């Protein structure tokens, strides 16, 4: 049977790891340890469609009431001090999704960690790279599945990759291979990180499957309770609407813990990959004769990958009340269309492992670049989350 290039890569990686186990001085522990944890979330959701959306009237109506059930289970197996196996299983039922795809079962993590000594570690399997320092957006972390600034899913599904970390003096070097059908179509990356005088600085190069080279940079620094951070992504001649236009995506952010349990985070994000403004988006839709469903798919893809229009301002305020209540208020403002998304949230912790929550999302404006909410005017979610 002919084996694909990707399967050949994974097989070679497993052979490499097995070979490392045979090195002298590596002995298996007498007893394997296990750790299992997870959570179950159930909520009811009600939403109102957005009559001001540029595509809302042309899109098929969607359910306005639904339920969401999500089970996440994490299993960590440690057969040896130098070996760790991690698995994460997710099961999702959401009746507001596509009626033909309301049940989803995914293995969002499944990897083997091997650290034979303090200088090197290897990881093979489905994992998150988690590059960058952004709170709401993450422009340098383009190999991972994108995050979303308005959801709880800050840790989405992983990618299949081989990762090597080298700890040599003050520099940490990370090498990534994300396999595809052939070596030429696989993504390769190398990233260097140093921490001089309290700064965390990182620079990386990514060779993508289109034959381009991407440059990434991020930094973080804290002083007197104030945290500052930033990221930048650069690709020459990479804009998908104009192959002669360079892309420079960047963000800067600051956060601070105030006395009395208050927390405030502010972030500005510029996304060259997106449209300059809504008229440019509409011109593109008209010029390419996109029907409403295809156009909405374009908007969904853009919003899930950092925004429909280029500039974004994010504000998150949090306050702890007593020992059991947590409040949160999020704003996302788009100057190009002068729209604001507001998301207040209240949580009550009961018996340490159970959280009751109420979350409201409201859009003031016809379109916003986050969370694929262009057809949605408001959404209310009431639920319970149990950790074990």
Protein backbone atom coordinates (compact mmCIF):
# COMPACT_ATOMS: atom_id res chain seq x y z
CA UNK A 1 0.00 0.00 0.00
CA UNK A 2 1.34 3.40 -1.02
CA UNK A 3 1.78 5.70 1.98
CA UNK A 4 1.16 9.45 1.66
CA UNK A 5 3.98 11.92 2.29
CA UNK A 6 2.23 13.17 5.43
CA UNK A 7 1.89 9.66 6.88
CA UNK A 8 5.53 8.98 5.99
CA UNK A 9 6.50 12.09 7.95
CA UNK A 10 4.48 11.06 11.00
CA UNK A 11 5.91 7.52 10.84
CA UNK A 12 9.47 8.84 10.67
CA UNK A 13 8.74 11.12 13.61
CA UNK A 14 7.46 8.24 15.72
CA UNK A 15 10.51 6.14 14.76
CA UNK A 16 12.72 9.04 15.84
CA UNK A 17 11.00 9.25 19.23
CA UNK A 18 11.17 5.48 19.74
CA UNK A 19 14.87 5.62 18.86
CA UNK A 20 15.45 8.30 21.46
CA UNK A 21 13.93 6.02 24.09
CA UNK A 22 16.66 3.50 23.36
CA UNK A 23 19.47 5.90 24.29
CA UNK A 24 21.57 4.73 27.25
CA UNK A 25 20.59 6.34 30.53
CA UNK A 26 16.89 6.67 29.69
CA UNK A 27 14.92 4.34 31.95
CA UNK A 28 11.16 4.01 32.30
CA UNK A 29 9.58 4.79 35.61
CA UNK A 30 8.24 1.88 37.61
CA UNK A 31 4.73 3.33 37.69
CA UNK A 32 2.84 5.41 35.16
CA UNK A 33 0.89 8.39 36.52
CA UNK A 34 -2.43 9.66 35.16
CA UNK A 35 -4.25 12.97 35.52
CA UNK A 36 -7.77 13.52 34.24
CA UNK A 37 -9.75 16.76 34.31
CA UNK A 38 -12.35 18.56 32.28
CA UNK A 39 -15.59 20.48 32.29
CA UNK A 40 -19.18 20.32 31.11
CA UNK A 41 -20.96 23.47 29.91
CA UNK A 42 -24.67 23.74 29.20
CA UNK A 43 -26.41 26.94 28.15
CA UNK A 44 -29.53 28.32 26.51
CA UNK A 45 -29.08 30.94 23.79
CA UNK A 46 -31.48 33.46 22.32
CA UNK A 47 -30.54 35.84 19.53
CA UNK A 48 -32.03 38.58 17.37
CA UNK A 49 -31.01 39.04 13.74
CA UNK A 50 -29.53 42.35 12.61
CA UNK A 51 -31.86 44.24 10.24
CA UNK A 52 -29.08 46.75 9.48
CA UNK A 53 -26.61 44.14 8.24
CA UNK A 54 -25.56 44.67 4.63
CA UNK A 55 -26.33 41.01 3.94
CA UNK A 56 -28.92 40.20 6.59
CA UNK A 57 -32.04 40.52 4.43
CA UNK A 58 -30.57 38.30 1.72
CA UNK A 59 -29.44 35.48 4.01
CA UNK A 60 -31.64 32.53 4.98
CA UNK A 61 -33.19 33.02 8.44
CA UNK A 62 -31.56 31.11 11.25
CA UNK A 63 -32.98 29.77 14.53
CA UNK A 64 -33.39 32.41 17.22
CA UNK A 65 -33.47 30.02 20.20
CA UNK A 66 -31.10 27.17 20.86
CA UNK A 67 -29.02 25.18 23.32
CA UNK A 68 -25.31 24.58 23.63
CA UNK A 69 -23.69 21.61 25.34
CA UNK A 70 -19.93 21.12 25.39
CA UNK A 71 -17.91 18.42 27.12
CA UNK A 72 -14.13 18.77 27.35
CA UNK A 73 -11.95 16.04 28.83
CA UNK A 74 -8.18 16.31 29.37
CA UNK A 75 -6.03 13.25 30.00
CA UNK A 76 -2.32 13.45 30.85
CA UNK A 77 -0.27 10.24 30.98
CA UNK A 78 3.27 10.31 32.37
CA UNK A 79 5.03 6.97 31.89
CA UNK A 80 8.44 8.51 32.63
CA UNK A 81 9.85 11.77 33.98
CA UNK A 82 10.95 12.66 30.47
CA UNK A 83 7.79 11.56 28.63
CA UNK A 84 4.28 13.03 28.66
CA UNK A 85 1.24 12.14 26.56
CA UNK A 86 -1.64 14.63 26.46
CA UNK A 87 -5.10 14.14 24.99
CA UNK A 88 -8.07 16.51 24.84
CA UNK A 89 -11.47 15.37 23.62
CA UNK A 90 -14.27 17.80 22.84
CA UNK A 91 -17.90 16.96 22.20
CA UNK A 92 -20.21 19.78 21.12
CA UNK A 93 -23.96 19.95 20.54
CA UNK A 94 -25.18 23.37 19.36
CA UNK A 95 -28.64 23.63 17.83
CA UNK A 96 -27.89 27.09 16.41
CA UNK A 97 -25.26 25.65 14.08
CA UNK A 98 -25.87 24.11 10.68
CA UNK A 99 -28.79 21.63 11.19
CA UNK A 100 -26.70 18.98 9.41
CA UNK A 101 -23.70 19.57 11.67
CA UNK A 102 -25.01 20.13 15.20
CA UNK A 103 -22.97 17.30 16.75
CA UNK A 104 -19.19 17.59 16.68
CA UNK A 105 -16.64 15.28 18.23
CA UNK A 106 -12.99 16.36 17.97
CA UNK A 107 -9.61 15.33 19.28
CA UNK A 108 -8.35 18.87 19.78
CA UNK A 109 -5.09 17.75 21.43
CA UNK A 110 -3.17 14.54 21.03
CA UNK A 111 0.60 14.74 21.32
CA UNK A 112 3.69 13.14 22.79
CA UNK A 113 6.24 15.24 24.68
CA UNK A 114 9.77 13.92 25.09
CA UNK A 115 12.44 15.83 27.09
CA UNK A 116 15.57 13.67 27.43
CA UNK A 117 17.50 16.48 29.14
CA UNK A 118 17.36 20.18 29.99
CA UNK A 119 18.64 21.24 26.56
CA UNK A 120 16.09 19.79 24.18
CA UNK A 121 12.44 18.74 24.02
CA UNK A 122 10.39 17.21 21.21
CA UNK A 123 6.64 17.29 20.69
CA UNK A 124 4.80 15.33 17.99
CA UNK A 125 1.07 15.40 17.32
CA UNK A 126 -1.92 17.72 17.51
CA UNK A 127 -0.97 20.77 19.58
CA UNK A 128 -1.14 24.52 20.00
CA UNK A 129 1.94 26.64 19.32
CA UNK A 130 0.58 29.64 21.24
CA UNK A 131 2.98 32.20 19.83
CA UNK A 132 2.58 35.89 20.53
CA UNK A 133 1.37 38.09 23.36
CA UNK A 134 -1.95 39.50 22.11
CA UNK A 135 -4.94 39.40 24.43
CA UNK A 136 -7.77 39.61 21.87
CA UNK A 137 -5.95 39.00 18.58
CA UNK A 138 -2.88 37.02 17.63
CA UNK A 139 -1.42 38.07 14.23
CA UNK A 140 1.94 36.28 14.62
CA UNK A 141 0.36 32.90 15.38
CA UNK A 142 -0.71 32.19 11.80
CA UNK A 143 0.09 28.46 11.86
CA UNK A 144 -2.45 27.82 14.62
CA UNK A 145 -6.21 27.84 14.24
CA UNK A 146 -7.28 31.47 14.90
CA UNK A 147 -8.73 32.65 18.18
CA UNK A 148 -11.78 34.85 18.56
CA UNK A 149 -11.83 37.95 20.73
CA UNK A 150 -15.49 37.66 21.78
CA UNK A 151 -15.79 34.01 22.73
CA UNK A 152 -14.65 31.83 25.59
CA UNK A 153 -12.78 29.67 23.10
CA UNK A 154 -9.35 31.14 23.77
CA UNK A 155 -7.80 27.72 23.23
CA UNK A 156 -9.18 26.31 19.96
CA UNK A 157 -8.33 23.10 18.13
CA UNK A 158 -4.67 22.28 17.66
CA UNK A 159 -2.63 21.55 14.55
CA UNK A 160 -0.60 18.46 13.66
CA UNK A 161 3.09 19.33 13.79
CA UNK A 162 6.55 18.27 14.90
CA UNK A 163 8.03 20.78 17.34
CA UNK A 164 11.57 20.94 18.67
CA UNK A 165 12.65 23.30 21.48
CA UNK A 166 16.35 23.94 22.09
CA UNK A 167 17.39 25.70 25.32
CA UNK A 168 20.92 26.95 24.65
CA UNK A 169 22.08 29.63 27.05
CA UNK A 170 19.96 32.79 26.93
CA UNK A 171 18.28 31.85 23.63
CA UNK A 172 15.36 29.45 23.21
CA UNK A 173 15.03 28.18 19.66
CA UNK A 174 11.85 26.56 18.41
CA UNK A 175 11.64 24.64 15.12
CA UNK A 176 8.23 23.71 13.68
CA UNK A 177 7.26 21.47 10.78
CA UNK A 178 3.55 21.39 9.91
CA UNK A 179 3.27 18.51 7.43
CA UNK A 180 1.21 18.48 4.27
CA UNK A 181 0.97 16.22 1.21
CA UNK A 182 4.61 16.96 0.30
CA UNK A 183 7.64 18.64 1.81
CA UNK A 184 7.27 21.59 -0.57
CA UNK A 185 3.70 22.23 0.57
CA UNK A 186 4.48 21.83 4.28
CA UNK A 187 4.85 24.87 6.54
CA UNK A 188 8.24 25.27 8.25
CA UNK A 189 9.13 27.78 10.93
CA UNK A 190 11.95 28.77 13.25
CA UNK A 191 11.57 31.15 16.19
CA UNK A 192 14.12 32.63 18.60
CA UNK A 193 13.23 33.99 22.03
CA UNK A 194 15.35 35.91 24.55
CA UNK A 195 14.54 37.68 27.82
CA UNK A 196 17.02 40.51 28.47
CA UNK A 197 16.39 42.78 31.49
CA UNK A 198 12.85 41.56 32.00
CA UNK A 199 11.75 41.88 28.36
CA UNK A 200 10.46 38.86 26.45
CA UNK A 201 11.49 39.28 22.80
CA UNK A 202 10.86 36.81 19.97
CA UNK A 203 11.58 36.79 16.24
CA UNK A 204 10.64 34.11 13.74
CA UNK A 205 10.60 33.10 10.10
CA UNK A 206 7.80 31.04 8.55
CA UNK A 207 8.07 29.39 5.15
CA UNK A 208 4.51 28.77 4.02
CA UNK A 209 3.13 26.38 1.43
CA UNK A 210 2.78 29.20 -1.12
CA UNK A 211 6.55 29.60 -1.26
CA UNK A 212 6.52 32.87 0.71
CA UNK A 213 8.49 33.79 3.80
CA UNK A 214 6.70 35.48 6.69
CA UNK A 215 8.44 37.48 9.42
CA UNK A 216 7.01 37.62 12.94
CA UNK A 217 8.02 39.59 16.04
CA UNK A 218 6.51 39.93 19.50
CA UNK A 219 7.47 41.41 22.86
CA UNK A 220 6.17 41.72 26.42
CA UNK A 221 7.34 43.68 29.46
CA UNK A 222 5.92 44.36 32.92
CA UNK A 223 6.81 47.07 35.42
CA UNK A 224 5.02 48.36 38.54
CA UNK A 225 1.95 46.25 37.74
CA UNK A 226 1.66 47.59 34.17
CA UNK A 227 2.04 45.14 31.30
CA UNK A 228 2.85 46.20 27.75
CA UNK A 229 2.96 43.89 24.74
CA UNK A 230 2.99 43.88 20.98
CA UNK A 231 3.11 41.70 17.88
CA UNK A 232 3.92 42.24 14.20
CA UNK A 233 3.55 40.04 11.13
CA UNK A 234 5.08 40.94 7.76
CA UNK A 235 4.70 39.24 4.38
CA UNK A 236 6.00 40.67 1.11
CA UNK A 237 3.53 40.77 -1.77
CA UNK A 238 1.03 38.72 0.16
CA UNK A 239 -2.34 40.44 0.08
CA UNK A 240 -4.87 38.07 -1.45
CA UNK A 241 -6.68 40.94 -3.20
CA UNK A 242 -3.53 42.52 -4.63
CA UNK A 243 -0.46 40.34 -4.96
CA UNK A 244 1.83 43.40 -5.14
CA UNK A 245 0.74 44.76 -1.77
CA UNK A 246 2.81 43.88 1.29
CA UNK A 247 1.02 42.87 4.47
CA UNK A 248 1.91 44.34 7.87
CA UNK A 249 -0.39 43.24 10.67
CA UNK A 250 0.43 44.52 14.15
CA UNK A 251 -1.00 45.15 17.60
CA UNK A 252 0.01 46.99 20.75
CA UNK A 253 -1.58 46.52 24.14
CA UNK A 254 -1.41 47.50 27.79
CA UNK A 255 -3.05 46.11 30.93
CA UNK A 256 -3.07 46.95 34.63
CA UNK A 257 -4.42 45.47 37.86
CA UNK A 258 -5.92 48.34 39.87
CA UNK A 259 -6.41 48.25 43.64
CA UNK A 260 -9.75 46.87 44.73
CA UNK A 261 -9.85 43.94 42.31
CA UNK A 262 -10.19 45.94 39.07
CA UNK A 263 -8.45 44.85 35.87
CA UNK A 264 -8.26 46.80 32.62
CA UNK A 265 -6.81 45.74 29.23
CA UNK A 266 -6.60 47.91 26.12
CA UNK A 267 -5.44 46.74 22.69
CA UNK A 268 -5.16 48.28 19.22
CA UNK A 269 -4.95 46.00 16.19
CA UNK A 270 -4.24 46.86 12.54
CA UNK A 271 -4.93 44.16 9.97
CA UNK A 272 -3.57 44.83 6.46
CA UNK A 273 -5.19 41.65 5.19
CA UNK A 274 -8.67 43.11 5.68
CA UNK A 275 -10.58 45.79 3.77
CA UNK A 276 -9.91 49.48 4.25
CA UNK A 277 -13.58 50.19 4.95
CA UNK A 278 -17.08 48.89 4.21
CA UNK A 279 -17.37 50.60 0.76
CA UNK A 280 -14.23 48.73 -0.34
CA UNK A 281 -15.80 45.47 0.86
CA UNK A 282 -19.01 46.17 -1.05
CA UNK A 283 -17.03 47.08 -4.17
CA UNK A 284 -15.19 43.77 -3.95
CA UNK A 285 -18.45 41.82 -3.53
CA UNK A 286 -20.00 43.58 -6.54
CA UNK A 287 -16.89 43.29 -8.73
CA UNK A 288 -16.72 39.54 -8.16
CA UNK A 289 -20.51 39.00 -8.43
CA UNK A 290 -20.67 37.22 -5.06
CA UNK A 291 -24.10 35.96 -4.06
CA UNK A 292 -25.19 36.72 -0.46
CA UNK A 293 -24.30 33.29 0.94
CA UNK A 294 -20.82 33.35 -0.66
CA UNK A 295 -20.32 36.94 0.51
CA UNK A 296 -21.33 35.99 4.04
CA UNK A 297 -18.83 33.11 3.89
CA UNK A 298 -16.14 35.64 2.95
CA UNK A 299 -17.13 37.88 5.86
CA UNK A 300 -17.16 34.89 8.22
CA UNK A 301 -13.69 33.83 7.13
CA UNK A 302 -12.31 37.35 7.51
CA UNK A 303 -13.87 37.89 10.92
CA UNK A 304 -12.61 34.53 12.18
CA UNK A 305 -9.10 35.45 11.03
CA UNK A 306 -8.84 38.92 12.52
CA UNK A 307 -11.45 41.22 11.03
CA UNK A 308 -13.35 42.53 8.04
CA UNK A 309 -11.97 46.06 8.23
CA UNK A 310 -8.42 46.97 9.15
CA UNK A 311 -8.48 48.82 12.46
CA UNK A 312 -9.83 47.62 15.79
CA UNK A 313 -9.83 48.89 19.36
CA UNK A 314 -10.42 46.41 22.16
CA UNK A 315 -11.20 47.18 25.82
CA UNK A 316 -11.81 44.65 28.59
CA UNK A 317 -12.67 45.62 32.16
CA UNK A 318 -12.99 43.04 34.95
CA UNK A 319 -13.95 43.27 38.61
CA UNK A 320 -14.09 40.64 41.33
CA UNK A 321 -16.90 41.15 43.85
CA UNK A 322 -16.41 39.26 47.09
CA UNK A 323 -15.32 35.66 46.77
CA UNK A 324 -17.95 34.40 44.34
CA UNK A 325 -18.85 37.04 41.76
CA UNK A 326 -16.83 38.02 38.69
CA UNK A 327 -17.94 40.71 36.27
CA UNK A 328 -16.56 41.48 32.83
CA UNK A 329 -17.27 44.11 30.18
CA UNK A 330 -15.83 43.98 26.66
CA UNK A 331 -15.94 46.67 23.93
CA UNK A 332 -14.70 46.33 20.34
CA UNK A 333 -14.77 49.48 18.24
CA UNK A 334 -14.20 49.68 14.48
CA UNK A 335 -13.41 53.25 13.34
CA UNK A 336 -14.03 52.44 9.65
CA UNK A 337 -17.75 51.74 10.14
CA UNK A 338 -18.09 53.34 13.60
CA UNK A 339 -19.65 50.22 15.07
CA UNK A 340 -19.33 48.97 18.62
CA UNK A 341 -19.77 45.50 20.02
CA UNK A 342 -20.56 45.36 23.74
CA UNK A 343 -20.41 42.15 25.77
CA UNK A 344 -21.15 42.24 29.53
CA UNK A 345 -20.82 39.01 31.51
CA UNK A 346 -21.62 38.01 35.09
CA UNK A 347 -20.33 34.81 36.72
CA UNK A 348 -21.15 33.27 40.09
CA UNK A 349 -18.91 30.51 41.47
CA UNK A 350 -20.70 27.93 43.60
CA UNK A 351 -18.91 25.19 45.57
CA UNK A 352 -15.61 25.99 43.85
CA UNK A 353 -16.18 23.79 40.80
CA UNK A 354 -19.51 25.13 39.49
CA UNK A 355 -20.03 28.44 37.69
CA UNK A 356 -23.35 30.02 36.74
CA UNK A 357 -23.06 32.66 34.01
CA UNK A 358 -25.07 35.21 32.11
CA UNK A 359 -23.62 36.77 28.94
CA UNK A 360 -25.07 39.39 26.62
CA UNK A 361 -23.72 40.44 23.24
CA UNK A 362 -25.02 43.58 21.54
CA UNK A 363 -24.00 45.23 18.27
CA UNK A 364 -24.48 48.98 17.78
CA UNK A 365 -23.94 49.41 14.05
CA UNK A 366 -24.50 47.59 10.79
CA UNK A 367 -21.33 45.48 10.72
CA UNK A 368 -18.40 44.64 12.94
CA UNK A 369 -15.23 42.72 12.35
CA UNK A 370 -15.43 40.28 15.22
CA UNK A 371 -17.12 37.00 16.08
CA UNK A 372 -19.03 36.65 12.80
CA UNK A 373 -21.91 38.63 14.27
CA UNK A 374 -22.82 40.61 11.15
CA UNK A 375 -26.24 38.87 10.86
CA UNK A 376 -26.78 39.13 14.64
CA UNK A 377 -27.98 42.21 16.49
CA UNK A 378 -27.98 40.76 20.01
CA UNK A 379 -27.46 37.46 21.80
CA UNK A 380 -28.25 36.40 25.35
CA UNK A 381 -26.75 33.25 26.87
CA UNK A 382 -27.56 31.73 30.28
CA UNK A 383 -25.67 28.66 31.41
CA UNK A 384 -23.79 26.53 33.90
CA UNK A 385 -20.25 25.17 33.79
CA UNK A 386 -19.06 22.31 36.00
CA UNK A 387 -15.35 21.48 36.36
CA UNK A 388 -14.07 18.11 37.49
